[in-house]
Amino acid sequence: MNYSNVKVYATTTCPYCTMVADWLKSKNVTFDKVLVDQDQQAANEMIQKTGQMGVPVIEIGYADRKSEFIVGFNQPQLAYMLGV
């Protein structure tokens, strides 16, 4: 699966968010980290897209279709979806 971008919705105090970011870095996956506890507009965007208020939420964007979302640090699912 060819993804075009990855966005991690996180907070400054979330240990699972840090784990996701560290794991993505270890797999050489480039991503944008959005701190929803410091950006209310981004928090609203995350909730609108997913219905989730908890973090981490990982958005995987594809060039040829809509984004898919993973809620929480689901390493096997992330690995599968990112092909790493």
C-alpha atoms as a PDB file:
ATOM      1  CA  MET A   1       0.000   0.000   0.000  1.00  0.00           C
ATOM      2  CA  ASN A   2       1.459   3.294  -1.027  1.00  0.00           C
ATOM      3  CA  TYR A   3       0.725   6.073   1.401  1.00  0.00           C
ATOM      4  CA  SER A   4       1.406   9.717   0.634  1.00  0.00           C
ATOM      5  CA  ASN A   5       1.494  11.148   4.144  1.00  0.00           C
ATOM      6  CA  VAL A   6       1.180  10.239   7.801  1.00  0.00           C
ATOM      7  CA  LYS A   7      -0.125  12.487  10.550  1.00  0.00           C
ATOM      8  CA  VAL A   8      -0.026  11.679  14.254  1.00  0.00           C
ATOM      9  CA  TYR A   9      -2.533  13.490  16.444  1.00  0.00           C
ATOM     10  CA  ALA A  10      -0.979  13.572  19.916  1.00  0.00           C
ATOM     11  CA  THR A  11      -0.695  15.460  23.178  1.00  0.00           C
ATOM     12  CA  THR A  12       2.408  16.611  25.010  1.00  0.00           C
ATOM     13  CA  THR A  13       1.766  14.235  27.941  1.00  0.00           C
ATOM     14  CA  CYS A  14       0.685  11.046  26.140  1.00  0.00           C
ATOM     15  CA  PRO A  15       3.210   8.193  26.515  1.00  0.00           C
ATOM     16  CA  TYR A  16       1.584   6.158  23.722  1.00  0.00           C
ATOM     17  CA  CYS A  17       1.916   9.136  21.392  1.00  0.00           C
ATOM     18  CA  THR A  18       5.645   9.181  22.106  1.00  0.00           C
ATOM     19  CA  MET A  19       5.817   5.434  21.480  1.00  0.00           C
ATOM     20  CA  VAL A  20       4.086   5.848  18.099  1.00  0.00           C
ATOM     21  CA  ALA A  21       6.448   8.668  17.091  1.00  0.00           C
ATOM     22  CA  ASP A  22       9.521   6.689  18.171  1.00  0.00           C
ATOM     23  CA  TRP A  23       8.315   3.589  16.318  1.00  0.00           C
ATOM     24  CA  LEU A  24       7.622   5.548  13.119  1.00  0.00           C
ATOM     25  CA  LYS A  25      11.091   7.125  13.319  1.00  0.00           C
ATOM     26  CA  SER A  26      12.663   3.683  13.806  1.00  0.00           C
ATOM     27  CA  LYS A  27      10.943   2.559  10.583  1.00  0.00           C
ATOM     28  CA  ASN A  28      12.064   5.707   8.713  1.00  0.00           C
ATOM     29  CA  VAL A  29       8.471   6.829   8.205  1.00  0.00           C
ATOM     30  CA  THR A  30       8.150  10.580   7.759  1.00  0.00           C
ATOM     31  CA  PHE A  31       5.185  12.020   9.627  1.00  0.00           C
ATOM     32  CA  ASP A  32       3.655  15.217  10.917  1.00  0.00           C
ATOM     33  CA  LYS A  33       2.985  15.373  14.643  1.00  0.00           C
ATOM     34  CA  VAL A  34       0.013  17.533  15.608  1.00  0.00           C
ATOM     35  CA  LEU A  35      -0.311  18.419  19.285  1.00  0.00           C
ATOM     36  CA  VAL A  36      -4.043  18.656  19.870  1.00  0.00           C
ATOM     37  CA  ASP A  37      -3.589  19.912  23.432  1.00  0.00           C
ATOM     38  CA  GLN A  38      -1.919  23.017  21.983  1.00  0.00           C
ATOM     39  CA  ASP A  39      -4.049  23.455  18.848  1.00  0.00           C
ATOM     40  CA  GLN A  40      -7.812  23.513  19.357  1.00  0.00           C
ATOM     41  CA  GLN A  41      -8.490  23.681  15.617  1.00  0.00           C
ATOM     42  CA  ALA A  42      -6.460  20.485  15.082  1.00  0.00           C
ATOM     43  CA  ALA A  43      -8.288  18.831  17.982  1.00  0.00           C
ATOM     44  CA  ASN A  44     -11.629  19.706  16.400  1.00  0.00           C
ATOM     45  CA  GLU A  45     -10.384  18.399  13.040  1.00  0.00           C
ATOM     46  CA  MET A  46      -9.367  15.074  14.615  1.00  0.00           C
ATOM     47  CA  ILE A  47     -12.724  14.698  16.357  1.00  0.00           C
ATOM     48  CA  GLN A  48     -14.630  15.605  13.197  1.00  0.00           C
ATOM     49  CA  LYS A  49     -12.675  13.098  11.076  1.00  0.00           C
ATOM     50  CA  THR A  50     -12.748  10.190  13.526  1.00  0.00           C
ATOM     51  CA  GLY A  51     -15.231  10.828  16.310  1.00  0.00           C
ATOM     52  CA  GLN A  52     -12.350  10.147  18.709  1.00  0.00           C
ATOM     53  CA  MET A  53     -11.314  12.397  21.566  1.00  0.00           C
ATOM     54  CA  GLY A  54      -8.445  10.194  22.748  1.00  0.00           C
ATOM     55  CA  VAL A  55      -4.939  10.064  21.339  1.00  0.00           C
ATOM     56  CA  PRO A  56      -2.908   8.871  19.589  1.00  0.00           C
ATOM     57  CA  VAL A  57      -4.784   8.926  16.324  1.00  0.00           C
ATOM     58  CA  ILE A  58      -2.726   8.135  13.250  1.00  0.00           C
ATOM     59  CA  GLU A  59      -3.988   9.332   9.884  1.00  0.00           C
ATOM     60  CA  ILE A  60      -2.560   7.571   6.849  1.00  0.00           C
ATOM     61  CA  GLY A  61      -3.244   9.495   3.673  1.00  0.00           C
ATOM     62  CA  TYR A  62      -3.199   7.869   0.254  1.00  0.00           C
ATOM     63  CA  ALA A  63      -2.724   9.663  -3.045  1.00  0.00           C
ATOM     64  CA  ASP A  64      -5.478   7.658  -4.727  1.00  0.00           C
ATOM     65  CA  ARG A  65      -8.107   7.524  -1.974  1.00  0.00           C
ATOM     66  CA  LYS A  66      -9.271   8.859   1.348  1.00  0.00           C
ATOM     67  CA  SER A  67      -7.297   8.644   4.540  1.00  0.00           C
ATOM     68  CA  GLU A  68      -7.490   5.736   6.948  1.00  0.00           C
ATOM     69  CA  PHE A  69      -7.183   6.098  10.709  1.00  0.00           C
ATOM     70  CA  ILE A  70      -5.703   4.013  13.481  1.00  0.00           C
ATOM     71  CA  VAL A  71      -6.700   4.831  17.040  1.00  0.00           C
ATOM     72  CA  GLY A  72      -4.088   3.950  19.641  1.00  0.00           C
ATOM     73  CA  PHE A  73      -0.670   2.390  19.147  1.00  0.00           C
ATOM     74  CA  ASN A  74      -1.608  -0.708  17.163  1.00  0.00           C
ATOM     75  CA  GLN A  75       1.861  -1.670  15.950  1.00  0.00           C
ATOM     76  CA  PRO A  76       0.857  -4.701  13.800  1.00  0.00           C
ATOM     77  CA  GLN A  77      -1.842  -2.709  12.023  1.00  0.00           C
ATOM     78  CA  LEU A  78       0.516   0.240  11.492  1.00  0.00           C
ATOM     79  CA  ALA A  79       3.219  -2.036  10.099  1.00  0.00           C
ATOM     80  CA  TYR A  80       0.731  -3.646   7.725  1.00  0.00           C
ATOM     81  CA  MET A  81      -0.807  -0.392   6.524  1.00  0.00           C
ATOM     82  CA  LEU A  82       2.567   1.306   6.029  1.00  0.00           C
ATOM     83  CA  GLY A  83       4.280  -1.741   4.563  1.00  0.00           C
ATOM     84  CA  VAL A  84       7.173  -1.660   7.037  1.00  0.00           C
END
